[in-house]
Structures are given as C-alpha cells and as structure tokens.
Amino acid sequence: MSMTRRARWRSVIPFALVLMLLLAACGSSGGVFQNVGSELQAGGEPAAGPEDGANGGTTDEDGGSGSEEPDGFLAPIEQRIIKTGEITLEVENVGEMIGRVRAMAASLNGYVGGSQAGTLDDRATLTLRIPADSFDDALAQLHEMDADVLAEATREQDVTGQVVDLQARIDNLAASEASYRDLVARATEVEDILAVQSRLDQVRGEIEQLTAQLDQLEAQAALSTLTVTLVPNAEPVAAQAEVWDPGAQVEEALASLVGIGQGLFDGLIWFGVVWLPILLVLALLTLVALRGVLEVRRRLPPPGAARTGTGDEVAP
C-alpha cells in the first residue's frame, strides 16, 4: 500500500507545479485582459476602480460622495431653463425704434443675433440674444417704450434633466476612458493593444458628441431668444389720405386737357396761315410745270415719222 501511495503522489506533483506556474503567469501579465473581459461582459464599460468608491461615484477628501452634502442630502441642482419669446410693437418711426432696441439689448449685456429691416415705412424684425436673468427686464423695457404691443408670446422649457443626464453620461465615459488608457499602457500584445485602442477611440467620440450637446443646451439656457417685430402705425396712411385732394386732381387733369387743346388749335392756326398758302403755291407751280412738259411732248413729231421722211429723200 505504501508503494501505491508514493506512486500516486509522484504523479500529482508535476501537475501541481504546472498549475502554480500558470497561476503566476496569469497574475503577472494576464490580469489586465481578465479585467477587460469582466468589464465588457458587465456592460461594455470598464468597471470603476477603487478610487471611484464603492458605489461607483467620486469621493472627496472626507471619504464621502462628491455629489452629496456633509449631512447626507443631495446637493441642489441648478435649473436650466430655455426662454424664448416674440413681441410685436406698433411704432411711429421704425428706424428710430431699431436703434433704441439695439441699445436696450446692449445695456442688458445682450446682442442682436439677426435683423431684417426695410425702408422707413416697412416693418422690421430683430432677433435678440439676452441673458436668461434679464429676459423679463427686456420685456418690461419694451413695454415702456413709446409703442403699442400688438402681440406677445413667451415659452419656457426646463432642460435640467437633460443637462444632468448628459453630464452623468460624460462622467461615466470619462472614467471608462481613463481605465482604457491604463489598459493600453499595461498591455503587451499587439492584438490586445489594438482592441483596447479601438474601444478607447469610440469612447472618446461619444464623449465629444455628448459634450457638444451639453454645450448647446447650456448656451440656449444662458442666453434667451427674443424676437422683436416693429410695425409702422397707421398715421402715415392717414397723412397721405389727408394730402390727397380729388378736386385738385380733376382741375389738374382739365388744365392738362385744355393745354393739349390749345396746342392743337395753335397748330391748326399755323397750318392755315403759313403752311396752307405755301402748299397751294407749290401745288400750282407743280401743275404749271407738268402742263408745260406735256405741251412740249405733244408738239414734238413721233420718232417713226421722222425716220420715214428721211428715207424718202435719199431714195432714187
């Protein structure tokens, strides 16, 4: 029996040595890719490291969560509200009011994002970009101007939830990016480096896309949009109606007609007094000349008779 047990132990010892060598090799170089496999299997993102805390969030110097206050309550979240509005004003002088609206926007640390204006009597449209805190002040100042408010509409859109969601996704992707960078630095095989680098590039693209969306929401919430339409009042039309006088227009038309008749009559007088005698004299002279020519041609002998008489004289 003792020889049998010794033989069994001798057969087990080589397998134990091989197993110990494999475990040592995995602990030195294969641990990196074991982490990658577990992370991708968990959800496609690297797992949070010890520095991220037990709950996956960041911790401050006191060991608590960075998103919580010292007493354990969540820190208040600043609201993000996108404000937009349109207002239509009836003004006496569109050009003057355009300058006043521009000055008002500048006084509120805003600016005119776009404008469309015509002549003095045409309407104009200005798109103002005003800080969100001064949006109500801008509307109040427009109401105080020398103008009548024809229409007004305002809208508010709360995008706080979208901002918080985008920021959380960006933070998670940033943590994943840091983990992937650490994996790339620790990897030794070319295939493993390329695989991790591909995932790292994808995460970086997602971060940039979400950051652009977050910046756009922040900009829209920081600067409100106010569209101001300036419409000229009805006074220019009334003034033009007062200036127009139908009787005066009739008198001017009759005066023009009389002037045209006088011109035609003057022409007839000149024709009868000056041109008609001249034309009669010319016609008489023309008739006398034609009659003289006809008389001369009648007295001349025919050409055939002249040749016949000449032949008779020459013949024997």
C-alpha atoms as a PDB file:
ATOM      1  CA  MET A   1       0.000   0.000   0.000  1.00  0.00           C
ATOM      2  CA  SER A   2       2.855   2.450   0.798  1.00  0.00           C
ATOM      3  CA  MET A   3       4.359   1.956  -2.642  1.00  0.00           C
ATOM      4  CA  THR A   4       0.992   2.679  -4.254  1.00  0.00           C
ATOM      5  CA  ARG A   5       0.551   5.923  -2.299  1.00  0.00           C
ATOM      6  CA  ARG A   6       4.064   7.087  -3.214  1.00  0.00           C
ATOM      7  CA  ALA A   7       3.383   6.429  -6.862  1.00  0.00           C
ATOM      8  CA  ARG A   8       0.195   8.485  -6.681  1.00  0.00           C
ATOM      9  CA  TRP A   9       1.971  11.417  -5.028  1.00  0.00           C
ATOM     10  CA  ARG A  10       4.721  11.299  -7.637  1.00  0.00           C
ATOM     11  CA  SER A  11       2.099  11.525 -10.397  1.00  0.00           C
ATOM     12  CA  VAL A  12       0.297  14.513  -8.734  1.00  0.00           C
ATOM     13  CA  ILE A  13       3.429  16.638  -8.036  1.00  0.00           C
ATOM     14  CA  PRO A  14       4.144  17.546 -11.740  1.00  0.00           C
ATOM     15  CA  PHE A  15       0.537  18.690 -12.265  1.00  0.00           C
ATOM     16  CA  ALA A  16       0.711  20.842  -9.151  1.00  0.00           C
ATOM     17  CA  LEU A  17       3.928  22.500 -10.355  1.00  0.00           C
ATOM     18  CA  VAL A  18       2.406  23.235 -13.779  1.00  0.00           C
ATOM     19  CA  LEU A  19      -0.711  24.729 -12.147  1.00  0.00           C
ATOM     20  CA  MET A  20       1.406  27.018  -9.928  1.00  0.00           C
ATOM     21  CA  LEU A  21       3.384  28.271 -12.937  1.00  0.00           C
ATOM     22  CA  LEU A  22       0.165  29.040 -14.855  1.00  0.00           C
ATOM     23  CA  LEU A  23      -1.272  30.973 -11.922  1.00  0.00           C
ATOM     24  CA  ALA A  24       1.909  33.012 -11.580  1.00  0.00           C
ATOM     25  CA  ALA A  25       1.931  33.874 -15.281  1.00  0.00           C
ATOM     26  CA  CYS A  26      -1.718  34.937 -15.204  1.00  0.00           C
ATOM     27  CA  GLY A  27      -1.082  37.101 -12.165  1.00  0.00           C
ATOM     28  CA  SER A  28       1.823  38.926 -13.854  1.00  0.00           C
ATOM     29  CA  SER A  29       0.594  39.591 -17.424  1.00  0.00           C
ATOM     30  CA  GLY A  30      -2.881  38.169 -17.889  1.00  0.00           C
ATOM     31  CA  GLY A  31      -4.621  40.164 -15.179  1.00  0.00           C
ATOM     32  CA  VAL A  32      -5.116  43.136 -17.447  1.00  0.00           C
ATOM     33  CA  PHE A  33      -7.135  41.239 -20.006  1.00  0.00           C
ATOM     34  CA  GLN A  34      -9.116  39.372 -17.346  1.00  0.00           C
ATOM     35  CA  ASN A  35     -10.306  42.808 -16.218  1.00  0.00           C
ATOM     36  CA  VAL A  36     -11.175  43.772 -19.790  1.00  0.00           C
ATOM     37  CA  GLY A  37     -13.213  40.605 -20.234  1.00  0.00           C
ATOM     38  CA  SER A  38     -15.111  41.089 -16.982  1.00  0.00           C
ATOM     39  CA  GLU A  39     -15.747  44.764 -17.775  1.00  0.00           C
ATOM     40  CA  LEU A  40     -17.061  44.173 -21.283  1.00  0.00           C
ATOM     41  CA  GLN A  41     -19.199  41.300 -20.016  1.00  0.00           C
ATOM     42  CA  ALA A  42     -20.689  43.554 -17.335  1.00  0.00           C
ATOM     43  CA  GLY A  43     -21.962  46.131 -19.813  1.00  0.00           C
ATOM     44  CA  GLY A  44     -19.356  47.214 -22.339  1.00  0.00           C
ATOM     45  CA  GLU A  45     -17.679  49.727 -19.980  1.00  0.00           C
ATOM     46  CA  PRO A  46     -14.699  49.225 -17.705  1.00  0.00           C
ATOM     47  CA  ALA A  47     -15.592  48.707 -14.068  1.00  0.00           C
ATOM     48  CA  ALA A  48     -14.931  51.538 -11.657  1.00  0.00           C
ATOM     49  CA  GLY A  49     -11.628  51.335  -9.855  1.00  0.00           C
ATOM     50  CA  PRO A  50     -11.066  51.558  -6.146  1.00  0.00           C
ATOM     51  CA  GLU A  51     -10.581  55.325  -6.457  1.00  0.00           C
ATOM     52  CA  ASP A  52     -14.198  55.702  -7.636  1.00  0.00           C
ATOM     53  CA  GLY A  53     -15.642  54.498  -4.341  1.00  0.00           C
ATOM     54  CA  ALA A  54     -17.819  51.526  -3.549  1.00  0.00           C
ATOM     55  CA  ASN A  55     -20.886  52.980  -5.223  1.00  0.00           C
ATOM     56  CA  GLY A  56     -19.125  53.963  -8.442  1.00  0.00           C
ATOM     57  CA  GLY A  57     -19.083  57.690  -7.663  1.00  0.00           C
ATOM     58  CA  THR A  58     -16.250  60.051  -6.830  1.00  0.00           C
ATOM     59  CA  THR A  59     -15.266  60.649  -3.242  1.00  0.00           C
ATOM     60  CA  ASP A  60     -13.947  63.770  -1.604  1.00  0.00           C
ATOM     61  CA  GLU A  61     -11.205  64.175   0.959  1.00  0.00           C
ATOM     62  CA  ASP A  62     -13.557  63.281   3.832  1.00  0.00           C
ATOM     63  CA  GLY A  63     -14.428  59.966   2.206  1.00  0.00           C
ATOM     64  CA  GLY A  64     -17.979  60.960   1.351  1.00  0.00           C
ATOM     65  CA  SER A  65     -19.667  61.174  -2.019  1.00  0.00           C
ATOM     66  CA  GLY A  66     -18.817  64.282  -4.056  1.00  0.00           C
ATOM     67  CA  SER A  67     -22.485  64.695  -5.072  1.00  0.00           C
ATOM     68  CA  GLU A  68     -23.752  64.778  -1.514  1.00  0.00           C
ATOM     69  CA  GLU A  69     -23.584  67.388   1.189  1.00  0.00           C
ATOM     70  CA  PRO A  70     -21.884  66.642   4.551  1.00  0.00           C
ATOM     71  CA  ASP A  71     -25.225  65.909   6.202  1.00  0.00           C
ATOM     72  CA  GLY A  72     -26.016  63.220   3.624  1.00  0.00           C
ATOM     73  CA  PHE A  73     -28.523  65.138   1.471  1.00  0.00           C
ATOM     74  CA  LEU A  74     -28.046  65.561  -2.265  1.00  0.00           C
ATOM     75  CA  ALA A  75     -26.592  68.897  -3.349  1.00  0.00           C
ATOM     76  CA  PRO A  76     -29.131  71.200  -5.053  1.00  0.00           C
ATOM     77  CA  ILE A  77     -29.080  71.164  -8.844  1.00  0.00           C
ATOM     78  CA  GLU A  78     -29.159  74.469 -10.676  1.00  0.00           C
ATOM     79  CA  GLN A  79     -32.111  74.631 -13.037  1.00  0.00           C
ATOM     80  CA  ARG A  80     -31.542  75.078 -16.755  1.00  0.00           C
ATOM     81  CA  ILE A  81     -34.482  76.794 -18.447  1.00  0.00           C
ATOM     82  CA  ILE A  82     -34.544  77.822 -22.110  1.00  0.00           C
ATOM     83  CA  LYS A  83     -36.610  81.005 -22.535  1.00  0.00           C
ATOM     84  CA  THR A  84     -37.901  82.179 -25.905  1.00  0.00           C
ATOM     85  CA  GLY A  85     -40.409  84.859 -26.831  1.00  0.00           C
ATOM     86  CA  GLU A  86     -41.882  87.034 -29.570  1.00  0.00           C
ATOM     87  CA  ILE A  87     -43.326  90.520 -29.293  1.00  0.00           C
ATOM     88  CA  THR A  88     -44.846  92.791 -31.948  1.00  0.00           C
ATOM     89  CA  LEU A  89     -44.805  96.572 -31.453  1.00  0.00           C
ATOM     90  CA  GLU A  90     -46.584  99.276 -33.424  1.00  0.00           C
ATOM     91  CA  VAL A  91     -44.282 102.295 -33.627  1.00  0.00           C
ATOM     92  CA  GLU A  92     -44.263 105.711 -35.277  1.00  0.00           C
ATOM     93  CA  ASN A  93     -40.697 105.573 -36.639  1.00  0.00           C
ATOM     94  CA  VAL A  94     -39.305 102.129 -37.393  1.00  0.00           C
ATOM     95  CA  GLY A  95     -35.721 103.320 -37.945  1.00  0.00           C
ATOM     96  CA  GLU A  96     -35.555 105.188 -34.659  1.00  0.00           C
ATOM     97  CA  MET A  97     -37.047 102.263 -32.734  1.00  0.00           C
ATOM     98  CA  ILE A  98     -34.480  99.871 -34.212  1.00  0.00           C
ATOM     99  CA  GLY A  99     -31.714 101.938 -32.667  1.00  0.00           C
ATOM    100  CA  ARG A 100     -33.472 102.010 -29.299  1.00  0.00           C
ATOM    101  CA  VAL A 101     -33.967  98.223 -29.284  1.00  0.00           C
ATOM    102  CA  ARG A 102     -30.309  97.654 -30.127  1.00  0.00           C
ATOM    103  CA  ALA A 103     -29.226  99.979 -27.322  1.00  0.00           C
ATOM    104  CA  MET A 104     -31.531  98.183 -24.892  1.00  0.00           C
ATOM    105  CA  ALA A 105     -30.043  94.793 -25.787  1.00  0.00           C
ATOM    106  CA  ALA A 106     -26.505  96.127 -25.294  1.00  0.00           C
ATOM    107  CA  SER A 107     -27.420  97.589 -21.897  1.00  0.00           C
ATOM    108  CA  LEU A 108     -28.559  94.124 -20.758  1.00  0.00           C
ATOM    109  CA  ASN A 109     -25.270  92.503 -21.889  1.00  0.00           C
ATOM    110  CA  GLY A 110     -27.003  91.017 -24.902  1.00  0.00           C
ATOM    111  CA  TYR A 111     -26.710  91.473 -28.635  1.00  0.00           C
ATOM    112  CA  VAL A 112     -28.723  91.397 -31.861  1.00  0.00           C
ATOM    113  CA  GLY A 113     -28.308  87.968 -33.397  1.00  0.00           C
ATOM    114  CA  GLY A 114     -30.060  88.882 -36.642  1.00  0.00           C
ATOM    115  CA  SER A 115     -32.196  91.627 -38.135  1.00  0.00           C
ATOM    116  CA  GLN A 116     -34.348  92.244 -41.193  1.00  0.00           C
ATOM    117  CA  ALA A 117     -35.354  95.831 -41.901  1.00  0.00           C
ATOM    118  CA  GLY A 118     -36.736  97.704 -44.879  1.00  0.00           C
ATOM    119  CA  THR A 119     -37.417 101.367 -45.516  1.00  0.00           C
ATOM    120  CA  LEU A 120     -38.854 103.855 -43.058  1.00  0.00           C
ATOM    121  CA  ASP A 121     -42.452 102.744 -43.525  1.00  0.00           C
ATOM    122  CA  ASP A 122     -41.749  98.985 -43.698  1.00  0.00           C
ATOM    123  CA  ARG A 123     -41.745  96.576 -40.783  1.00  0.00           C
ATOM    124  CA  ALA A 124     -38.525  95.289 -39.227  1.00  0.00           C
ATOM    125  CA  THR A 125     -37.626  92.156 -37.268  1.00  0.00           C
ATOM    126  CA  LEU A 126     -34.779  91.836 -34.754  1.00  0.00           C
ATOM    127  CA  THR A 127     -33.666  88.645 -33.001  1.00  0.00           C
ATOM    128  CA  LEU A 128     -32.200  89.487 -29.600  1.00  0.00           C
ATOM    129  CA  ARG A 129     -29.953  87.235 -27.533  1.00  0.00           C
ATOM    130  CA  ILE A 130     -30.465  88.262 -23.911  1.00  0.00           C
ATOM    131  CA  PRO A 131     -29.067  86.665 -20.718  1.00  0.00           C
ATOM    132  CA  ALA A 132     -31.720  84.481 -19.125  1.00  0.00           C
ATOM    133  CA  ASP A 133     -31.704  86.564 -15.940  1.00  0.00           C
ATOM    134  CA  SER A 134     -32.506  89.721 -17.954  1.00  0.00           C
ATOM    135  CA  PHE A 135     -35.252  88.221 -20.134  1.00  0.00           C
ATOM    136  CA  ASP A 136     -38.096  89.676 -18.053  1.00  0.00           C
ATOM    137  CA  ASP A 137     -36.306  93.041 -17.829  1.00  0.00           C
ATOM    138  CA  ALA A 138     -36.083  93.171 -21.627  1.00  0.00           C
ATOM    139  CA  LEU A 139     -39.818  92.572 -21.971  1.00  0.00           C
ATOM    140  CA  ALA A 140     -40.536  95.236 -19.351  1.00  0.00           C
ATOM    141  CA  GLN A 141     -38.376  97.801 -21.138  1.00  0.00           C
ATOM    142  CA  LEU A 142     -40.069  97.061 -24.458  1.00  0.00           C
ATOM    143  CA  HIS A 143     -43.452  97.657 -22.821  1.00  0.00           C
ATOM    144  CA  GLU A 144     -42.226 101.010 -21.507  1.00  0.00           C
ATOM    145  CA  MET A 145     -41.219 102.293 -24.941  1.00  0.00           C
ATOM    146  CA  ASP A 146     -43.429 104.604 -26.971  1.00  0.00           C
ATOM    147  CA  ALA A 147     -45.147 101.791 -28.806  1.00  0.00           C
ATOM    148  CA  ASP A 148     -48.322  99.729 -28.723  1.00  0.00           C
ATOM    149  CA  VAL A 149     -47.972  95.993 -28.050  1.00  0.00           C
ATOM    150  CA  LEU A 150     -49.926  94.150 -30.741  1.00  0.00           C
ATOM    151  CA  ALA A 151     -48.914  90.576 -29.808  1.00  0.00           C
ATOM    152  CA  GLU A 152     -46.715  88.846 -27.267  1.00  0.00           C
ATOM    153  CA  ALA A 153     -45.822  85.210 -26.559  1.00  0.00           C
ATOM    154  CA  THR A 154     -43.227  83.616 -24.268  1.00  0.00           C
ATOM    155  CA  ARG A 155     -42.198  79.995 -23.702  1.00  0.00           C
ATOM    156  CA  GLU A 156     -40.047  78.269 -21.086  1.00  0.00           C
ATOM    157  CA  GLN A 157     -38.529  74.798 -21.443  1.00  0.00           C
ATOM    158  CA  ASP A 158     -36.920  73.113 -18.461  1.00  0.00           C
ATOM    159  CA  VAL A 159     -33.886  71.126 -19.655  1.00  0.00           C
ATOM    160  CA  THR A 160     -32.376  70.450 -16.226  1.00  0.00           C
ATOM    161  CA  GLY A 161     -32.980  66.720 -16.530  1.00  0.00           C
ATOM    162  CA  GLN A 162     -31.305  66.586 -19.934  1.00  0.00           C
ATOM    163  CA  VAL A 163     -28.282  68.513 -18.649  1.00  0.00           C
ATOM    164  CA  VAL A 164     -27.897  66.215 -15.615  1.00  0.00           C
ATOM    165  CA  ASP A 165     -28.267  63.103 -17.767  1.00  0.00           C
ATOM    166  CA  LEU A 166     -25.696  64.293 -20.303  1.00  0.00           C
ATOM    167  CA  GLN A 167     -23.246  65.257 -17.567  1.00  0.00           C
ATOM    168  CA  ALA A 168     -23.598  61.863 -15.875  1.00  0.00           C
ATOM    169  CA  ARG A 169     -23.021  60.040 -19.155  1.00  0.00           C
ATOM    170  CA  ILE A 170     -19.977  62.173 -19.861  1.00  0.00           C
ATOM    171  CA  ASP A 171     -18.552  61.464 -16.393  1.00  0.00           C
ATOM    172  CA  ASN A 172     -19.065  57.707 -16.816  1.00  0.00           C
ATOM    173  CA  LEU A 173     -17.443  57.742 -20.231  1.00  0.00           C
ATOM    174  CA  ALA A 174     -14.552  59.792 -18.866  1.00  0.00           C
ATOM    175  CA  ALA A 175     -13.962  57.180 -16.151  1.00  0.00           C
ATOM    176  CA  SER A 176     -14.098  54.447 -18.784  1.00  0.00           C
ATOM    177  CA  GLU A 177     -11.644  56.376 -20.927  1.00  0.00           C
ATOM    178  CA  ALA A 178      -9.191  56.603 -18.043  1.00  0.00           C
ATOM    179  CA  SER A 179      -9.482  52.864 -17.446  1.00  0.00           C
ATOM    180  CA  TYR A 180      -8.934  52.096 -21.119  1.00  0.00           C
ATOM    181  CA  ARG A 181      -5.871  54.321 -21.196  1.00  0.00           C
ATOM    182  CA  ASP A 182      -4.473  52.414 -18.238  1.00  0.00           C
ATOM    183  CA  LEU A 183      -5.176  49.115 -20.012  1.00  0.00           C
ATOM    184  CA  VAL A 184      -3.402  50.325 -23.162  1.00  0.00           C
ATOM    185  CA  ALA A 185      -0.363  51.300 -21.079  1.00  0.00           C
ATOM    186  CA  ARG A 186      -0.230  47.915 -19.376  1.00  0.00           C
ATOM    187  CA  ALA A 187      -0.955  45.724 -22.412  1.00  0.00           C
ATOM    188  CA  THR A 188       1.918  43.878 -24.123  1.00  0.00           C
ATOM    189  CA  GLU A 189       0.290  42.037 -27.047  1.00  0.00           C
ATOM    190  CA  VAL A 190      -0.326  43.991 -30.277  1.00  0.00           C
ATOM    191  CA  GLU A 191      -3.773  42.492 -30.810  1.00  0.00           C
ATOM    192  CA  ASP A 192      -4.837  43.417 -27.286  1.00  0.00           C
ATOM    193  CA  ILE A 193      -3.496  46.957 -27.697  1.00  0.00           C
ATOM    194  CA  LEU A 194      -5.407  47.456 -30.963  1.00  0.00           C
ATOM    195  CA  ALA A 195      -8.639  46.103 -29.470  1.00  0.00           C
ATOM    196  CA  VAL A 196      -8.453  48.367 -26.417  1.00  0.00           C
ATOM    197  CA  GLN A 197      -7.396  51.369 -28.539  1.00  0.00           C
ATOM    198  CA  SER A 198     -10.417  50.887 -30.823  1.00  0.00           C
ATOM    199  CA  ARG A 199     -12.723  50.913 -27.820  1.00  0.00           C
ATOM    200  CA  LEU A 200     -10.879  53.959 -26.452  1.00  0.00           C
ATOM    201  CA  ASP A 201     -11.440  55.890 -29.696  1.00  0.00           C
ATOM    202  CA  GLN A 202     -15.127  55.004 -29.636  1.00  0.00           C
ATOM    203  CA  VAL A 203     -15.490  56.244 -26.066  1.00  0.00           C
ATOM    204  CA  ARG A 204     -13.671  59.487 -26.919  1.00  0.00           C
ATOM    205  CA  GLY A 205     -16.056  60.090 -29.857  1.00  0.00           C
ATOM    206  CA  GLU A 206     -19.081  59.561 -27.625  1.00  0.00           C
ATOM    207  CA  ILE A 207     -17.670  61.994 -25.076  1.00  0.00           C
ATOM    208  CA  GLU A 208     -17.164  64.697 -27.714  1.00  0.00           C
ATOM    209  CA  GLN A 209     -20.675  64.203 -29.111  1.00  0.00           C
ATOM    210  CA  LEU A 210     -22.328  64.407 -25.704  1.00  0.00           C
ATOM    211  CA  THR A 211     -20.172  67.387 -24.754  1.00  0.00           C
ATOM    212  CA  ALA A 212     -21.354  69.258 -27.853  1.00  0.00           C
ATOM    213  CA  GLN A 213     -24.978  68.566 -26.958  1.00  0.00           C
ATOM    214  CA  LEU A 214     -24.383  69.708 -23.394  1.00  0.00           C
ATOM    215  CA  ASP A 215     -22.684  72.917 -24.538  1.00  0.00           C
ATOM    216  CA  GLN A 216     -25.594  73.674 -26.859  1.00  0.00           C
ATOM    217  CA  LEU A 217     -28.134  73.257 -24.073  1.00  0.00           C
ATOM    218  CA  GLU A 218     -26.044  75.362 -21.731  1.00  0.00           C
ATOM    219  CA  ALA A 219     -25.761  78.137 -24.337  1.00  0.00           C
ATOM    220  CA  GLN A 220     -29.510  78.115 -25.012  1.00  0.00           C
ATOM    221  CA  ALA A 221     -30.239  78.242 -21.288  1.00  0.00           C
ATOM    222  CA  ALA A 222     -27.701  81.003 -20.653  1.00  0.00           C
ATOM    223  CA  LEU A 223     -28.908  83.288 -23.485  1.00  0.00           C
ATOM    224  CA  SER A 224     -32.619  83.615 -24.150  1.00  0.00           C
ATOM    225  CA  THR A 225     -34.007  84.398 -27.596  1.00  0.00           C
ATOM    226  CA  LEU A 226     -36.414  87.315 -28.005  1.00  0.00           C
ATOM    227  CA  THR A 227     -37.804  88.199 -31.446  1.00  0.00           C
ATOM    228  CA  VAL A 228     -38.995  91.811 -31.748  1.00  0.00           C
ATOM    229  CA  THR A 229     -41.159  92.838 -34.719  1.00  0.00           C
ATOM    230  CA  LEU A 230     -41.644  96.553 -35.372  1.00  0.00           C
ATOM    231  CA  VAL A 231     -44.700  97.585 -37.391  1.00  0.00           C
ATOM    232  CA  PRO A 232     -45.353 101.189 -38.516  1.00  0.00           C
ATOM    233  CA  ASN A 233     -48.617 102.642 -37.261  1.00  0.00           C
ATOM    234  CA  ALA A 234     -51.474 103.880 -39.464  1.00  0.00           C
ATOM    235  CA  GLU A 235     -50.554 107.580 -39.237  1.00  0.00           C
ATOM    236  CA  PRO A 236     -48.526 107.682 -42.483  1.00  0.00           C
ATOM    237  CA  VAL A 237     -51.557 106.280 -44.323  1.00  0.00           C
ATOM    238  CA  ALA A 238     -53.857 108.852 -42.743  1.00  0.00           C
ATOM    239  CA  ALA A 239     -51.435 111.651 -43.550  1.00  0.00           C
ATOM    240  CA  GLN A 240     -51.279 110.553 -47.162  1.00  0.00           C
ATOM    241  CA  ALA A 241     -55.084 110.445 -47.300  1.00  0.00           C
ATOM    242  CA  GLU A 242     -55.246 113.974 -45.947  1.00  0.00           C
ATOM    243  CA  VAL A 243     -52.814 115.251 -48.567  1.00  0.00           C
ATOM    244  CA  TRP A 244     -54.752 113.663 -51.451  1.00  0.00           C
ATOM    245  CA  ASP A 245     -57.423 116.035 -52.938  1.00  0.00           C
ATOM    246  CA  PRO A 246     -59.631 114.593 -55.692  1.00  0.00           C
ATOM    247  CA  GLY A 247     -60.895 118.064 -56.739  1.00  0.00           C
ATOM    248  CA  ALA A 248     -57.380 119.310 -57.256  1.00  0.00           C
ATOM    249  CA  GLN A 249     -56.574 116.244 -59.299  1.00  0.00           C
ATOM    250  CA  VAL A 250     -59.643 116.898 -61.524  1.00  0.00           C
ATOM    251  CA  GLU A 251     -58.617 120.514 -62.008  1.00  0.00           C
ATOM    252  CA  GLU A 252     -55.098 119.477 -62.947  1.00  0.00           C
ATOM    253  CA  ALA A 253     -56.480 116.937 -65.433  1.00  0.00           C
ATOM    254  CA  LEU A 254     -58.786 119.561 -67.014  1.00  0.00           C
ATOM    255  CA  ALA A 255     -55.916 122.041 -67.196  1.00  0.00           C
ATOM    256  CA  SER A 256     -53.837 119.438 -68.991  1.00  0.00           C
ATOM    257  CA  LEU A 257     -56.700 118.764 -71.395  1.00  0.00           C
ATOM    258  CA  VAL A 258     -57.121 122.481 -72.124  1.00  0.00           C
ATOM    259  CA  GLY A 259     -53.406 122.780 -72.693  1.00  0.00           C
ATOM    260  CA  ILE A 260     -53.493 119.909 -75.179  1.00  0.00           C
ATOM    261  CA  GLY A 261     -56.469 121.512 -76.992  1.00  0.00           C
ATOM    262  CA  GLN A 262     -54.728 124.846 -77.108  1.00  0.00           C
ATOM    263  CA  GLY A 263     -51.686 123.246 -78.612  1.00  0.00           C
ATOM    264  CA  LEU A 264     -53.747 121.539 -81.315  1.00  0.00           C
ATOM    265  CA  PHE A 265     -55.608 124.776 -82.131  1.00  0.00           C
ATOM    266  CA  ASP A 266     -52.320 126.694 -82.337  1.00  0.00           C
ATOM    267  CA  GLY A 267     -51.064 124.112 -84.772  1.00  0.00           C
ATOM    268  CA  LEU A 268     -54.154 124.487 -86.950  1.00  0.00           C
ATOM    269  CA  ILE A 269     -53.747 128.282 -86.984  1.00  0.00           C
ATOM    270  CA  TRP A 270     -50.132 127.991 -88.076  1.00  0.00           C
ATOM    271  CA  PHE A 271     -51.082 125.476 -90.730  1.00  0.00           C
ATOM    272  CA  GLY A 272     -53.892 127.646 -92.134  1.00  0.00           C
ATOM    273  CA  VAL A 273     -51.969 130.900 -92.083  1.00  0.00           C
ATOM    274  CA  VAL A 274     -48.461 129.828 -93.044  1.00  0.00           C
ATOM    275  CA  TRP A 275     -48.262 126.344 -94.444  1.00  0.00           C
ATOM    276  CA  LEU A 276     -51.500 126.159 -96.423  1.00  0.00           C
ATOM    277  CA  PRO A 277     -50.665 129.122 -98.760  1.00  0.00           C
ATOM    278  CA  ILE A 278     -47.163 127.812 -99.263  1.00  0.00           C
ATOM    279  CA  LEU A 279     -48.501 124.381-100.135  1.00  0.00           C
ATOM    280  CA  LEU A 280     -51.061 125.895-102.546  1.00  0.00           C
ATOM    281  CA  VAL A 281     -48.378 127.911-104.358  1.00  0.00           C
ATOM    282  CA  LEU A 282     -46.175 124.840-104.607  1.00  0.00           C
ATOM    283  CA  ALA A 283     -49.082 122.792-105.958  1.00  0.00           C
ATOM    284  CA  LEU A 284     -49.888 125.475-108.592  1.00  0.00           C
ATOM    285  CA  LEU A 285     -46.289 125.656-109.744  1.00  0.00           C
ATOM    286  CA  THR A 286     -46.170 121.895-109.975  1.00  0.00           C
ATOM    287  CA  LEU A 287     -49.319 121.819-112.134  1.00  0.00           C
ATOM    288  CA  VAL A 288     -47.948 124.548-114.470  1.00  0.00           C
ATOM    289  CA  ALA A 289     -44.688 122.684-114.875  1.00  0.00           C
ATOM    290  CA  LEU A 290     -46.459 119.440-115.654  1.00  0.00           C
ATOM    291  CA  ARG A 291     -48.684 121.140-118.207  1.00  0.00           C
ATOM    292  CA  GLY A 292     -45.684 122.742-119.969  1.00  0.00           C
ATOM    293  CA  VAL A 293     -43.907 119.408-120.179  1.00  0.00           C
ATOM    294  CA  LEU A 294     -47.000 117.745-121.651  1.00  0.00           C
ATOM    295  CA  GLU A 295     -47.414 120.542-124.207  1.00  0.00           C
ATOM    296  CA  VAL A 296     -43.790 120.210-125.378  1.00  0.00           C
ATOM    297  CA  ARG A 297     -44.102 116.491-125.763  1.00  0.00           C
ATOM    298  CA  ARG A 298     -47.319 116.890-127.747  1.00  0.00           C
ATOM    299  CA  ARG A 299     -45.704 119.274-130.319  1.00  0.00           C
ATOM    300  CA  LEU A 300     -42.716 117.031-130.990  1.00  0.00           C
ATOM    301  CA  PRO A 301     -43.120 114.653-134.036  1.00  0.00           C
ATOM    302  CA  PRO A 302     -43.306 110.966-133.400  1.00  0.00           C
ATOM    303  CA  PRO A 303     -39.962 109.109-133.808  1.00  0.00           C
ATOM    304  CA  GLY A 304     -41.267 106.796-136.609  1.00  0.00           C
ATOM    305  CA  ALA A 305     -42.431 109.640-138.802  1.00  0.00           C
ATOM    306  CA  ALA A 306     -39.019 111.284-138.753  1.00  0.00           C
ATOM    307  CA  ARG A 307     -37.306 108.121-139.997  1.00  0.00           C
ATOM    308  CA  THR A 308     -39.827 107.680-142.843  1.00  0.00           C
ATOM    309  CA  GLY A 309     -39.357 111.190-144.186  1.00  0.00           C
ATOM    310  CA  THR A 310     -35.605 110.837-144.252  1.00  0.00           C
ATOM    311  CA  GLY A 311     -35.790 107.644-146.252  1.00  0.00           C
ATOM    312  CA  ASP A 312     -37.936 109.176-148.963  1.00  0.00           C
ATOM    313  CA  GLU A 313     -35.457 111.982-149.574  1.00  0.00           C
ATOM    314  CA  VAL A 314     -32.492 109.608-150.030  1.00  0.00           C
ATOM    315  CA  ALA A 315     -34.190 107.075-152.342  1.00  0.00           C
ATOM    316  CA  PRO A 316     -33.590 107.364-156.194  1.00  0.00           C
END
